[in-house]
Protein backbone atom coordinates (compact mmCIF):
# COMPACT_ATOMS: atom_id res chain seq x y z
CA UNK A 1 127.30 85.25 108.47
CA UNK A 2 126.23 88.12 105.54
CA UNK A 3 127.05 86.94 101.93
CA UNK A 4 126.02 89.99 99.19
CA UNK A 5 124.62 88.05 96.30
CA UNK A 6 124.60 91.35 93.95
CA UNK A 7 122.53 94.40 93.00
CA UNK A 8 119.64 95.38 90.89
CA UNK A 9 117.70 98.38 90.05
CA UNK A 10 116.64 101.82 89.65
CA UNK A 11 115.20 104.45 91.62
CA UNK A 12 111.05 103.91 90.65
CA UNK A 13 107.07 104.11 91.06
CA UNK A 14 106.67 102.49 87.36
CA UNK A 15 106.78 98.30 86.78
CA UNK A 16 110.49 97.11 87.16
CA UNK A 17 111.75 99.77 89.03
CA UNK A 18 111.62 99.59 93.17
CA UNK A 19 110.84 102.59 95.32
CA UNK A 20 111.52 101.23 98.99
CA UNK A 21 111.80 97.70 98.64
CA UNK A 22 110.87 96.14 102.24
CA UNK A 23 111.04 92.51 101.49
CA UNK A 24 112.63 90.03 99.33
CA UNK A 25 112.81 86.45 99.12
CA UNK A 26 113.65 83.78 96.41
CA UNK A 27 110.72 82.13 94.40
CA UNK A 28 113.77 80.18 93.05
CA UNK A 29 116.95 79.19 91.92
CA UNK A 30 116.11 82.25 89.52
CA UNK A 31 113.81 84.78 90.22
CA UNK A 32 113.14 87.61 93.63
CA UNK A 33 110.76 89.09 94.46
CA UNK A 34 110.40 91.71 95.80
CA UNK A 35 107.77 93.69 97.73
CA UNK A 36 108.20 97.16 97.97
CA UNK A 37 105.13 100.32 97.59
CA UNK A 38 104.82 101.41 94.48
CA UNK A 39 102.68 104.46 93.75
CA UNK A 40 100.55 104.08 96.68
CA UNK A 41 100.53 100.50 98.12
CA UNK A 42 102.64 97.47 98.43
CA UNK A 43 103.06 96.32 94.97
CA UNK A 44 104.78 92.94 94.02
CA UNK A 45 107.65 92.18 91.19
CA UNK A 46 109.13 89.17 90.29
CA UNK A 47 113.01 90.00 88.70
CA UNK A 48 115.56 87.07 87.05
CA UNK A 49 118.00 87.02 89.15
CA UNK A 50 120.75 88.01 88.83
CA UNK A 51 120.20 89.55 85.55
CA UNK A 52 118.05 91.77 87.51
CA UNK A 53 115.29 91.54 84.66
CA UNK A 54 111.56 92.35 85.21
CA UNK A 55 108.96 89.86 84.64
CA UNK A 56 106.10 91.36 85.94
CA UNK A 57 104.24 92.32 88.69
CA UNK A 58 101.35 90.74 90.51
CA UNK A 59 98.59 93.04 91.69
CA UNK A 60 97.89 93.28 95.47
CA UNK A 61 94.69 95.23 95.74
CA UNK A 62 93.14 94.23 98.95
CA UNK A 63 97.51 95.35 100.99
CA UNK A 64 97.79 98.04 102.00
CA UNK A 65 101.35 96.70 103.38
CA UNK A 66 103.34 93.56 102.62
CA UNK A 67 104.34 93.08 105.79
CA UNK A 68 106.15 89.92 105.52
CA UNK A 69 106.82 87.00 102.29
CA UNK A 70 107.24 84.07 102.29
CA UNK A 71 107.27 80.76 99.59
CA UNK A 72 105.65 77.83 100.11
CA UNK A 73 106.70 74.15 99.57
CA UNK A 74 104.17 74.81 96.28
CA UNK A 75 105.56 77.96 94.66
CA UNK A 76 103.16 79.98 96.00
CA UNK A 77 103.65 83.39 97.82
CA UNK A 78 102.27 83.78 100.96
CA UNK A 79 102.35 87.28 101.95
CA UNK A 80 100.64 89.35 104.77
CA UNK A 81 99.50 92.64 105.66
CA UNK A 82 100.48 94.96 108.44
CA UNK A 83 97.83 97.26 108.49
CA UNK A 84 94.47 94.90 108.08
CA UNK A 85 96.08 91.62 109.68
CA UNK A 86 94.98 88.85 106.71
CA UNK A 87 96.91 86.66 105.19
CA UNK A 88 97.51 86.06 101.48
CA UNK A 89 98.68 83.00 99.49
CA UNK A 90 98.77 84.06 95.91
CA UNK A 91 100.13 82.15 92.50
CA UNK A 92 102.31 83.76 91.25
CA UNK A 93 101.09 82.52 87.78
CA UNK A 94 97.52 83.74 87.45
CA UNK A 95 97.12 88.36 87.43
CA UNK A 96 95.61 89.02 91.25
CA UNK A 97 95.83 85.13 91.60
CA UNK A 98 94.47 84.86 95.16
CA UNK A 99 94.14 81.13 95.88
CA UNK A 100 92.88 81.48 99.36
CA UNK A 101 93.16 84.09 102.68
CA UNK A 102 92.60 84.64 105.90
CA UNK A 103 91.95 87.39 108.76
CA UNK A 104 94.82 87.46 111.72
CA UNK A 105 92.92 90.24 113.65
CA UNK A 106 91.55 88.33 116.29
CA UNK A 107 94.76 87.40 117.17
CA UNK A 108 97.09 90.37 116.54
CA UNK A 109 97.26 93.61 115.29
CA UNK A 110 100.59 94.69 113.15
CA UNK A 111 102.32 91.95 112.08
CA UNK A 112 106.26 92.19 111.21
CA UNK A 113 107.12 88.49 109.58
CA UNK A 114 105.45 85.69 107.73
CA UNK A 115 107.59 82.01 107.72
CA UNK A 116 105.77 79.34 105.83
CA UNK A 117 106.58 75.65 106.75
CA UNK A 118 105.26 72.64 104.39
CA UNK A 119 101.61 73.12 105.14
CA UNK A 120 101.72 75.42 108.09
CA UNK A 121 102.15 79.65 108.88
CA UNK A 122 103.81 81.59 111.47
CA UNK A 123 103.54 85.09 111.43
CA UNK A 124 105.27 87.25 113.55
CA UNK A 125 104.61 90.11 115.29
CA UNK A 126 105.41 93.13 118.09
CA UNK A 127 103.44 93.43 120.81
CA UNK A 128 103.33 96.81 122.56
CA UNK A 129 102.01 97.08 126.57
């Protein structure tokens, strides 16, 4: 069952615009996080819901392509990079607020999504032989 919650945004690479949005998650009841391509690599932007008003961009200078995004129980963002299999936990209230990170390259290649449940993180990946 799919439910349309409305839409917003205009195409563009500037802050507040969307360029190939890849992942979307509710940060809380009135904020949406959108991960898109930005100008040269992935970027993370926060918008008001349902108006779509741009709130802020979060610098993710260490992430090439955001393959998955989830919200922790504490309201932090967990992001996984598919190019360099690494999970980053960000504090959305700080610029470049990387709180934790861990390298997953020994366990997988090209993760495709992430799930957070309590204090546990599950990373989804496709293994091709």
